[in-house]
Amino acid sequence: SISSLIAELINIDKFQEKKSELDLLVKMDIEGAEYDVLESLVNSDLKISDLKTLTFLIEWHPSYFEDKDLIMSRKKLIKQNLTNKYSAKILDWH
């Protein structure tokens, strides 16, 4: 899961003493799966407050879904939740 991957990355031994200086960039281009993956991260118990910054660079794929209003609502909610929960920066990549 993405939460396990992020947890593993920030718990690598060489970063243990410098977490407050660590920037993490997650680039995502996963052809429509970004909605489910990011919702699973928001719903996880992952705690990452020790990071200096967490940035997501996401290529969104709303065209893969029939209900455009629903998928745009999901995207907006995902972005709000990631920002609120992790103080993450969300950058849309086109």
PDB file of N, CA and C in Angstrom:
ATOM      1  N   SER A   1       0.840  -1.189   0.000  1.00  0.00           N
ATOM      2  CA  SER A   1       0.000   0.000   0.000  1.00  0.00           C
ATOM      3  C   SER A   1       0.879   1.244   0.000  1.00  0.00           C
ATOM      4  N   ILE A   2       0.312   2.347  -0.409  1.00  0.00           N
ATOM      5  CA  ILE A   2       1.091   3.580  -0.434  1.00  0.00           C
ATOM      6  C   ILE A   2       1.489   4.013   0.977  1.00  0.00           C
ATOM      7  N   SER A   3       0.633   3.777   1.957  1.00  0.00           N
ATOM      8  CA  SER A   3       1.000   4.160   3.325  1.00  0.00           C
ATOM      9  C   SER A   3       2.192   3.339   3.816  1.00  0.00           C
ATOM     10  N   SER A   4       2.247   2.063   3.467  1.00  0.00           N
ATOM     11  CA  SER A   4       3.388   1.217   3.846  1.00  0.00           C
ATOM     12  C   SER A   4       4.663   1.678   3.151  1.00  0.00           C
ATOM     13  N   LEU A   5       4.552   2.033   1.888  1.00  0.00           N
ATOM     14  CA  LEU A   5       5.713   2.507   1.145  1.00  0.00           C
ATOM     15  C   LEU A   5       6.255   3.806   1.743  1.00  0.00           C
ATOM     16  N   ILE A   6       5.391   4.759   2.021  1.00  0.00           N
ATOM     17  CA  ILE A   6       5.835   6.024   2.608  1.00  0.00           C
ATOM     18  C   ILE A   6       6.437   5.790   3.991  1.00  0.00           C
ATOM     19  N   ALA A   7       5.807   4.958   4.796  1.00  0.00           N
ATOM     20  CA  ALA A   7       6.336   4.651   6.129  1.00  0.00           C
ATOM     21  C   ALA A   7       7.729   4.037   6.028  1.00  0.00           C
ATOM     22  N   GLU A   8       7.901   3.136   5.078  1.00  0.00           N
ATOM     23  CA  GLU A   8       9.203   2.504   4.894  1.00  0.00           C
ATOM     24  C   GLU A   8      10.253   3.521   4.456  1.00  0.00           C
ATOM     25  N   LEU A   9       9.891   4.403   3.554  1.00  0.00           N
ATOM     26  CA  LEU A   9      10.834   5.413   3.080  1.00  0.00           C
ATOM     27  C   LEU A   9      11.293   6.345   4.196  1.00  0.00           C
ATOM     28  N   ILE A  10      10.362   6.788   5.026  1.00  0.00           N
ATOM     29  CA  ILE A  10      10.758   7.745   6.069  1.00  0.00           C
ATOM     30  C   ILE A  10      11.377   7.068   7.288  1.00  0.00           C
ATOM     31  N   ASN A  11      11.346   5.749   7.331  1.00  0.00           N
ATOM     32  CA  ASN A  11      11.961   5.036   8.448  1.00  0.00           C
ATOM     33  C   ASN A  11      13.283   4.376   8.088  1.00  0.00           C
ATOM     34  N   ILE A  12      13.825   4.695   6.930  1.00  0.00           N
ATOM     35  CA  ILE A  12      15.140   4.180   6.548  1.00  0.00           C
ATOM     36  C   ILE A  12      16.158   4.698   7.558  1.00  0.00           C
ATOM     37  N   ASP A  13      17.019   3.820   8.024  1.00  0.00           N
ATOM     38  CA  ASP A  13      17.960   4.142   9.101  1.00  0.00           C
ATOM     39  C   ASP A  13      18.701   5.453   8.904  1.00  0.00           C
ATOM     40  N   LYS A  14      19.168   5.735   7.713  1.00  0.00           N
ATOM     41  CA  LYS A  14      19.975   6.939   7.513  1.00  0.00           C
ATOM     42  C   LYS A  14      19.163   8.227   7.691  1.00  0.00           C
ATOM     43  N   PHE A  15      17.830   8.133   7.703  1.00  0.00           N
ATOM     44  CA  PHE A  15      17.001   9.319   7.883  1.00  0.00           C
ATOM     45  C   PHE A  15      16.472   9.464   9.311  1.00  0.00           C
ATOM     46  N   GLN A  16      16.691   8.487  10.154  1.00  0.00           N
ATOM     47  CA  GLN A  16      16.097   8.489  11.485  1.00  0.00           C
ATOM     48  C   GLN A  16      16.385   9.764  12.279  1.00  0.00           C
ATOM     49  N   GLU A  17      17.611  10.243  12.224  1.00  0.00           N
ATOM     50  CA  GLU A  17      17.985  11.421  13.016  1.00  0.00           C
ATOM     51  C   GLU A  17      17.662  12.729  12.306  1.00  0.00           C
ATOM     52  N   LYS A  18      17.313  12.686  11.029  1.00  0.00           N
ATOM     53  CA  LYS A  18      17.119  13.911  10.263  1.00  0.00           C
ATOM     54  C   LYS A  18      15.724  14.017   9.666  1.00  0.00           C
ATOM     55  N   LYS A  19      14.748  13.368  10.260  1.00  0.00           N
ATOM     56  CA  LYS A  19      13.396  13.390   9.699  1.00  0.00           C
ATOM     57  C   LYS A  19      12.863  14.801   9.530  1.00  0.00           C
ATOM     58  N   SER A  20      13.165  15.674  10.476  1.00  0.00           N
ATOM     59  CA  SER A  20      12.627  17.032  10.398  1.00  0.00           C
ATOM     60  C   SER A  20      13.224  17.814   9.230  1.00  0.00           C
ATOM     61  N   GLU A  21      14.254  17.268   8.590  1.00  0.00           N
ATOM     62  CA  GLU A  21      14.876  17.914   7.433  1.00  0.00           C
ATOM     63  C   GLU A  21      14.511  17.207   6.124  1.00  0.00           C
ATOM     64  N   LEU A  22      13.734  16.153   6.207  1.00  0.00           N
ATOM     65  CA  LEU A  22      13.457  15.312   5.051  1.00  0.00           C
ATOM     66  C   LEU A  22      12.268  15.825   4.243  1.00  0.00           C
ATOM     67  N   ASP A  23      12.473  15.995   2.954  1.00  0.00           N
ATOM     68  CA  ASP A  23      11.416  16.328   2.009  1.00  0.00           C
ATOM     69  C   ASP A  23      11.071  15.050   1.246  1.00  0.00           C
ATOM     70  N   LEU A  24       9.795  14.821   1.059  1.00  0.00           N
ATOM     71  CA  LEU A  24       9.375  13.641   0.309  1.00  0.00           C
ATOM     72  C   LEU A  24       8.469  14.082  -0.828  1.00  0.00           C
ATOM     73  N   LEU A  25       8.806  13.664  -2.043  1.00  0.00           N
ATOM     74  CA  LEU A  25       8.012  13.937  -3.234  1.00  0.00           C
ATOM     75  C   LEU A  25       7.477  12.615  -3.757  1.00  0.00           C
ATOM     76  N   VAL A  26       6.157  12.542  -3.908  1.00  0.00           N
ATOM     77  CA  VAL A  26       5.513  11.354  -4.457  1.00  0.00           C
ATOM     78  C   VAL A  26       4.911  11.748  -5.793  1.00  0.00           C
ATOM     79  N   LYS A  27       5.453  11.186  -6.874  1.00  0.00           N
ATOM     80  CA  LYS A  27       4.947  11.455  -8.219  1.00  0.00           C
ATOM     81  C   LYS A  27       4.047  10.292  -8.627  1.00  0.00           C
ATOM     82  N   MET A  28       2.858  10.627  -9.099  1.00  0.00           N
ATOM     83  CA  MET A  28       1.877   9.600  -9.385  1.00  0.00           C
ATOM     84  C   MET A  28       1.293   9.761 -10.782  1.00  0.00           C
ATOM     85  N   ASP A  29       1.406   8.720 -11.571  1.00  0.00           N
ATOM     86  CA  ASP A  29       0.745   8.630 -12.876  1.00  0.00           C
ATOM     87  C   ASP A  29       0.308   7.177 -13.003  1.00  0.00           C
ATOM     88  N   ILE A  30      -0.866   6.879 -12.436  1.00  0.00           N
ATOM     89  CA  ILE A  30      -1.278   5.475 -12.345  1.00  0.00           C
ATOM     90  C   ILE A  30      -2.652   5.238 -12.985  1.00  0.00           C
ATOM     91  N   GLU A  31      -2.917   6.026 -14.028  1.00  0.00           N
ATOM     92  CA  GLU A  31      -4.017   5.765 -14.955  1.00  0.00           C
ATOM     93  C   GLU A  31      -5.387   5.537 -14.314  1.00  0.00           C
ATOM     94  N   GLY A  32      -5.777   6.442 -13.438  1.00  0.00           N
ATOM     95  CA  GLY A  32      -7.104   6.377 -12.839  1.00  0.00           C
ATOM     96  C   GLY A  32      -7.139   5.744 -11.462  1.00  0.00           C
ATOM     97  N   ALA A  33      -6.090   5.018 -11.099  1.00  0.00           N
ATOM     98  CA  ALA A  33      -6.043   4.382  -9.776  1.00  0.00           C
ATOM     99  C   ALA A  33      -5.671   5.374  -8.682  1.00  0.00           C
ATOM    100  N   GLU A  34      -5.261   6.585  -9.065  1.00  0.00           N
ATOM    101  CA  GLU A  34      -4.839   7.571  -8.069  1.00  0.00           C
ATOM    102  C   GLU A  34      -5.942   7.891  -7.058  1.00  0.00           C
ATOM    103  N   TYR A  35      -7.177   7.845  -7.486  1.00  0.00           N
ATOM    104  CA  TYR A  35      -8.289   8.164  -6.590  1.00  0.00           C
ATOM    105  C   TYR A  35      -8.374   7.140  -5.455  1.00  0.00           C
ATOM    106  N   ASP A  36      -8.361   5.854  -5.787  1.00  0.00           N
ATOM    107  CA  ASP A  36      -8.441   4.804  -4.767  1.00  0.00           C
ATOM    108  C   ASP A  36      -7.185   4.773  -3.900  1.00  0.00           C
ATOM    109  N   VAL A  37      -6.027   4.915  -4.517  1.00  0.00           N
ATOM    110  CA  VAL A  37      -4.763   4.863  -3.773  1.00  0.00           C
ATOM    111  C   VAL A  37      -4.681   6.008  -2.772  1.00  0.00           C
ATOM    112  N   LEU A  38      -5.019   7.206  -3.196  1.00  0.00           N
ATOM    113  CA  LEU A  38      -4.928   8.356  -2.294  1.00  0.00           C
ATOM    114  C   LEU A  38      -6.012   8.329  -1.223  1.00  0.00           C
ATOM    115  N   GLU A  39      -7.189   7.828  -1.563  1.00  0.00           N
ATOM    116  CA  GLU A  39      -8.223   7.665  -0.536  1.00  0.00           C
ATOM    117  C   GLU A  39      -7.782   6.653   0.519  1.00  0.00           C
ATOM    118  N   SER A  40      -7.085   5.604   0.097  1.00  0.00           N
ATOM    119  CA  SER A  40      -6.590   4.623   1.069  1.00  0.00           C
ATOM    120  C   SER A  40      -5.534   5.252   1.978  1.00  0.00           C
ATOM    121  N   LEU A  41      -4.724   6.153   1.439  1.00  0.00           N
ATOM    122  CA  LEU A  41      -3.736   6.854   2.258  1.00  0.00           C
ATOM    123  C   LEU A  41      -4.423   7.752   3.281  1.00  0.00           C
ATOM    124  N   VAL A  42      -5.413   8.500   2.839  1.00  0.00           N
ATOM    125  CA  VAL A  42      -6.155   9.381   3.740  1.00  0.00           C
ATOM    126  C   VAL A  42      -6.808   8.575   4.865  1.00  0.00           C
ATOM    127  N   ASN A  43      -7.296   7.383   4.555  1.00  0.00           N
ATOM    128  CA  ASN A  43      -7.983   6.551   5.542  1.00  0.00           C
ATOM    129  C   ASN A  43      -7.042   5.687   6.381  1.00  0.00           C
ATOM    130  N   SER A  44      -5.759   5.759   6.105  1.00  0.00           N
ATOM    131  CA  SER A  44      -4.789   4.942   6.843  1.00  0.00           C
ATOM    132  C   SER A  44      -4.435   5.595   8.187  1.00  0.00           C
ATOM    133  N   ASP A  45      -3.704   4.836   8.993  1.00  0.00           N
ATOM    134  CA  ASP A  45      -3.239   5.327  10.294  1.00  0.00           C
ATOM    135  C   ASP A  45      -1.839   5.920  10.205  1.00  0.00           C
ATOM    136  N   LEU A  46      -1.334   6.121   9.013  1.00  0.00           N
ATOM    137  CA  LEU A  46       0.030   6.618   8.828  1.00  0.00           C
ATOM    138  C   LEU A  46       0.206   7.984   9.473  1.00  0.00           C
ATOM    139  N   LYS A  47       1.263   8.104  10.265  1.00  0.00           N
ATOM    140  CA  LYS A  47       1.635   9.374  10.898  1.00  0.00           C
ATOM    141  C   LYS A  47       2.970   9.816  10.297  1.00  0.00           C
ATOM    142  N   ILE A  48       2.992  10.988   9.725  1.00  0.00           N
ATOM    143  CA  ILE A  48       4.237  11.450   9.095  1.00  0.00           C
ATOM    144  C   ILE A  48       4.537  12.901   9.450  1.00  0.00           C
ATOM    145  N   SER A  49       4.189  13.304  10.626  1.00  0.00           N
ATOM    146  CA  SER A  49       4.365  14.703  11.021  1.00  0.00           C
ATOM    147  C   SER A  49       5.822  15.124  11.140  1.00  0.00           C
ATOM    148  N   ASP A  50       6.759  14.163  11.173  1.00  0.00           N
ATOM    149  CA  ASP A  50       8.170  14.498  11.316  1.00  0.00           C
ATOM    150  C   ASP A  50       8.813  15.018  10.036  1.00  0.00           C
ATOM    151  N   LEU A  51       8.154  14.867   8.904  1.00  0.00           N
ATOM    152  CA  LEU A  51       8.748  15.304   7.644  1.00  0.00           C
ATOM    153  C   LEU A  51       8.753  16.823   7.535  1.00  0.00           C
ATOM    154  N   LYS A  52       9.769  17.340   6.864  1.00  0.00           N
ATOM    155  CA  LYS A  52       9.804  18.774   6.572  1.00  0.00           C
ATOM    156  C   LYS A  52       8.691  19.120   5.593  1.00  0.00           C
ATOM    157  N   THR A  53       8.635  18.408   4.479  1.00  0.00           N
ATOM    158  CA  THR A  53       7.553  18.613   3.512  1.00  0.00           C
ATOM    159  C   THR A  53       7.169  17.285   2.870  1.00  0.00           C
ATOM    160  N   LEU A  54       5.913  17.206   2.518  1.00  0.00           N
ATOM    161  CA  LEU A  54       5.388  16.079   1.743  1.00  0.00           C
ATOM    162  C   LEU A  54       4.649  16.690   0.562  1.00  0.00           C
ATOM    163  N   THR A  55       5.101  16.356  -0.631  1.00  0.00           N
ATOM    164  CA  THR A  55       4.511  16.904  -1.843  1.00  0.00           C
ATOM    165  C   THR A  55       4.071  15.757  -2.746  1.00  0.00           C
ATOM    166  N   PHE A  56       2.871  15.895  -3.284  1.00  0.00           N
ATOM    167  CA  PHE A  56       2.357  14.942  -4.259  1.00  0.00           C
ATOM    168  C   PHE A  56       2.266  15.631  -5.609  1.00  0.00           C
ATOM    169  N   LEU A  57       2.846  15.032  -6.617  1.00  0.00           N
ATOM    170  CA  LEU A  57       2.739  15.476  -8.000  1.00  0.00           C
ATOM    171  C   LEU A  57       1.880  14.420  -8.697  1.00  0.00           C
ATOM    172  N   ILE A  58       0.638  14.784  -9.014  1.00  0.00           N
ATOM    173  CA  ILE A  58      -0.345  13.791  -9.445  1.00  0.00           C
ATOM    174  C   ILE A  58      -0.882  14.107 -10.831  1.00  0.00           C
ATOM    175  N   GLU A  59      -0.839  13.102 -11.697  1.00  0.00           N
ATOM    176  CA  GLU A  59      -1.552  13.204 -12.958  1.00  0.00           C
ATOM    177  C   GLU A  59      -2.905  12.534 -12.748  1.00  0.00           C
ATOM    178  N   TRP A  60      -3.942  13.350 -12.742  1.00  0.00           N
ATOM    179  CA  TRP A  60      -5.300  12.861 -12.534  1.00  0.00           C
ATOM    180  C   TRP A  60      -5.871  12.386 -13.872  1.00  0.00           C
ATOM    181  N   HIS A  61      -6.692  11.353 -13.833  1.00  0.00           N
ATOM    182  CA  HIS A  61      -7.292  10.786 -15.040  1.00  0.00           C
ATOM    183  C   HIS A  61      -8.814  10.715 -14.914  1.00  0.00           C
ATOM    184  N   PRO A  62      -9.495  11.851 -14.896  1.00  0.00           N
ATOM    185  CA  PRO A  62     -10.956  11.831 -14.758  1.00  0.00           C
ATOM    186  C   PRO A  62     -11.657  11.246 -15.986  1.00  0.00           C
ATOM    187  N   SER A  63     -10.984  11.250 -17.123  1.00  0.00           N
ATOM    188  CA  SER A  63     -11.621  10.750 -18.350  1.00  0.00           C
ATOM    189  C   SER A  63     -11.867   9.243 -18.308  1.00  0.00           C
ATOM    190  N   TYR A  64     -11.281   8.554 -17.340  1.00  0.00           N
ATOM    191  CA  TYR A  64     -11.493   7.115 -17.209  1.00  0.00           C
ATOM    192  C   TYR A  64     -12.820   6.781 -16.539  1.00  0.00           C
ATOM    193  N   PHE A  65     -13.554   7.806 -16.100  1.00  0.00           N
ATOM    194  CA  PHE A  65     -14.782   7.606 -15.341  1.00  0.00           C
ATOM    195  C   PHE A  65     -15.962   8.250 -16.063  1.00  0.00           C
ATOM    196  N   GLU A  66     -17.111   7.627 -15.953  1.00  0.00           N
ATOM    197  CA  GLU A  66     -18.312   8.134 -16.623  1.00  0.00           C
ATOM    198  C   GLU A  66     -18.916   9.340 -15.911  1.00  0.00           C
ATOM    199  N   ASP A  67     -18.980   9.305 -14.589  1.00  0.00           N
ATOM    200  CA  ASP A  67     -19.612  10.374 -13.814  1.00  0.00           C
ATOM    201  C   ASP A  67     -18.568  11.447 -13.490  1.00  0.00           C
ATOM    202  N   LYS A  68     -18.488  12.449 -14.350  1.00  0.00           N
ATOM    203  CA  LYS A  68     -17.468  13.505 -14.204  1.00  0.00           C
ATOM    204  C   LYS A  68     -17.659  14.322 -12.936  1.00  0.00           C
ATOM    205  N   ASP A  69     -18.900  14.600 -12.559  1.00  0.00           N
ATOM    206  CA  ASP A  69     -19.151  15.367 -11.338  1.00  0.00           C
ATOM    207  C   ASP A  69     -18.666  14.606 -10.107  1.00  0.00           C
ATOM    208  N   LEU A  70     -18.937  13.314 -10.074  1.00  0.00           N
ATOM    209  CA  LEU A  70     -18.520  12.491  -8.944  1.00  0.00           C
ATOM    210  C   LEU A  70     -17.002  12.432  -8.844  1.00  0.00           C
ATOM    211  N   ILE A  71     -16.328  12.228  -9.951  1.00  0.00           N
ATOM    212  CA  ILE A  71     -14.876  12.085  -9.902  1.00  0.00           C
ATOM    213  C   ILE A  71     -14.208  13.416  -9.551  1.00  0.00           C
ATOM    214  N   MET A  72     -14.788  14.529  -9.992  1.00  0.00           N
ATOM    215  CA  MET A  72     -14.228  15.832  -9.619  1.00  0.00           C
ATOM    216  C   MET A  72     -14.461  16.109  -8.130  1.00  0.00           C
ATOM    217  N   SER A  73     -15.570  15.649  -7.592  1.00  0.00           N
ATOM    218  CA  SER A  73     -15.833  15.779  -6.148  1.00  0.00           C
ATOM    219  C   SER A  73     -14.840  14.936  -5.351  1.00  0.00           C
ATOM    220  N   ARG A  74     -14.577  13.725  -5.827  1.00  0.00           N
ATOM    221  CA  ARG A  74     -13.587  12.860  -5.160  1.00  0.00           C
ATOM    222  C   ARG A  74     -12.219  13.519  -5.154  1.00  0.00           C
ATOM    223  N   LYS A  75     -11.826  14.070  -6.291  1.00  0.00           N
ATOM    224  CA  LYS A  75     -10.522  14.722  -6.396  1.00  0.00           C
ATOM    225  C   LYS A  75     -10.421  15.873  -5.402  1.00  0.00           C
ATOM    226  N   LYS A  76     -11.437  16.702  -5.349  1.00  0.00           N
ATOM    227  CA  LYS A  76     -11.429  17.845  -4.441  1.00  0.00           C
ATOM    228  C   LYS A  76     -11.319  17.382  -2.984  1.00  0.00           C
ATOM    229  N   LEU A  77     -12.081  16.366  -2.624  1.00  0.00           N
ATOM    230  CA  LEU A  77     -12.061  15.853  -1.257  1.00  0.00           C
ATOM    231  C   LEU A  77     -10.706  15.218  -0.922  1.00  0.00           C
ATOM    232  N   ILE A  78     -10.144  14.475  -1.849  1.00  0.00           N
ATOM    233  CA  ILE A  78      -8.822  13.872  -1.642  1.00  0.00           C
ATOM    234  C   ILE A  78      -7.788  14.960  -1.383  1.00  0.00           C
ATOM    235  N   LYS A  79      -7.789  15.986  -2.201  1.00  0.00           N
ATOM    236  CA  LYS A  79      -6.821  17.074  -2.038  1.00  0.00           C
ATOM    237  C   LYS A  79      -6.993  17.771  -0.685  1.00  0.00           C
ATOM    238  N   GLN A  80      -8.225  18.026  -0.288  1.00  0.00           N
ATOM    239  CA  GLN A  80      -8.487  18.658   1.014  1.00  0.00           C
ATOM    240  C   GLN A  80      -8.009  17.770   2.156  1.00  0.00           C
ATOM    241  N   ASN A  81      -8.322  16.483   2.071  1.00  0.00           N
ATOM    242  CA  ASN A  81      -7.952  15.563   3.150  1.00  0.00           C
ATOM    243  C   ASN A  81      -6.448  15.368   3.270  1.00  0.00           C
ATOM    244  N   LEU A  82      -5.755  15.273   2.140  1.00  0.00           N
ATOM    245  CA  LEU A  82      -4.297  15.139   2.192  1.00  0.00           C
ATOM    246  C   LEU A  82      -3.654  16.391   2.773  1.00  0.00           C
ATOM    247  N   THR A  83      -4.177  17.532   2.394  1.00  0.00           N
ATOM    248  CA  THR A  83      -3.653  18.795   2.915  1.00  0.00           C
ATOM    249  C   THR A  83      -3.912  18.905   4.415  1.00  0.00           C
ATOM    250  N   ASN A  84      -5.119  18.574   4.834  1.00  0.00           N
ATOM    251  CA  ASN A  84      -5.465  18.671   6.260  1.00  0.00           C
ATOM    252  C   ASN A  84      -4.732  17.649   7.118  1.00  0.00           C
ATOM    253  N   LYS A  85      -4.676  16.422   6.665  1.00  0.00           N
ATOM    254  CA  LYS A  85      -4.094  15.344   7.476  1.00  0.00           C
ATOM    255  C   LYS A  85      -2.574  15.403   7.534  1.00  0.00           C
ATOM    256  N   TYR A  86      -1.943  15.734   6.404  1.00  0.00           N
ATOM    257  CA  TYR A  86      -0.486  15.650   6.322  1.00  0.00           C
ATOM    258  C   TYR A  86       0.201  16.984   6.025  1.00  0.00           C
ATOM    259  N   SER A  87      -0.552  18.059   5.939  1.00  0.00           N
ATOM    260  CA  SER A  87      -0.005  19.350   5.516  1.00  0.00           C
ATOM    261  C   SER A  87       0.736  19.197   4.188  1.00  0.00           C
ATOM    262  N   ALA A  88       0.217  18.321   3.364  1.00  0.00           N
ATOM    263  CA  ALA A  88       0.860  18.016   2.088  1.00  0.00           C
ATOM    264  C   ALA A  88       0.578  19.093   1.064  1.00  0.00           C
ATOM    265  N   LYS A  89       1.524  19.234   0.153  1.00  0.00           N
ATOM    266  CA  LYS A  89       1.322  20.096  -1.026  1.00  0.00           C
ATOM    267  C   LYS A  89       0.864  19.179  -2.151  1.00  0.00           C
ATOM    268  N   ILE A  90      -0.171  19.584  -2.854  1.00  0.00           N
ATOM    269  CA  ILE A  90      -0.708  18.780  -3.947  1.00  0.00           C
ATOM    270  C   ILE A  90      -0.531  19.578  -5.240  1.00  0.00           C
ATOM    271  N   LEU A  91       0.234  19.033  -6.155  1.00  0.00           N
ATOM    272  CA  LEU A  91       0.469  19.680  -7.435  1.00  0.00           C
ATOM    273  C   LEU A  91      -0.146  18.832  -8.536  1.00  0.00           C
ATOM    274  N   ASP A  92      -0.967  19.440  -9.364  1.00  0.00           N
ATOM    275  CA  ASP A  92      -1.552  18.728 -10.483  1.00  0.00           C
ATOM    276  C   ASP A  92      -0.558  18.715 -11.632  1.00  0.00           C
ATOM    277  N   TRP A  93      -0.373  17.543 -12.191  1.00  0.00           N
ATOM    278  CA  TRP A  93       0.560  17.366 -13.287  1.00  0.00           C
ATOM    279  C   TRP A  93      -0.255  16.998 -14.520  1.00  0.00           C
ATOM    280  N   HIS A  94      -0.033  17.700 -15.603  1.00  0.00           N
ATOM    281  CA  HIS A  94      -0.802  17.451 -16.827  1.00  0.00           C
ATOM    282  C   HIS A  94       0.093  16.978 -17.937  1.00  0.00           C
TER     283      HIS A  94
END
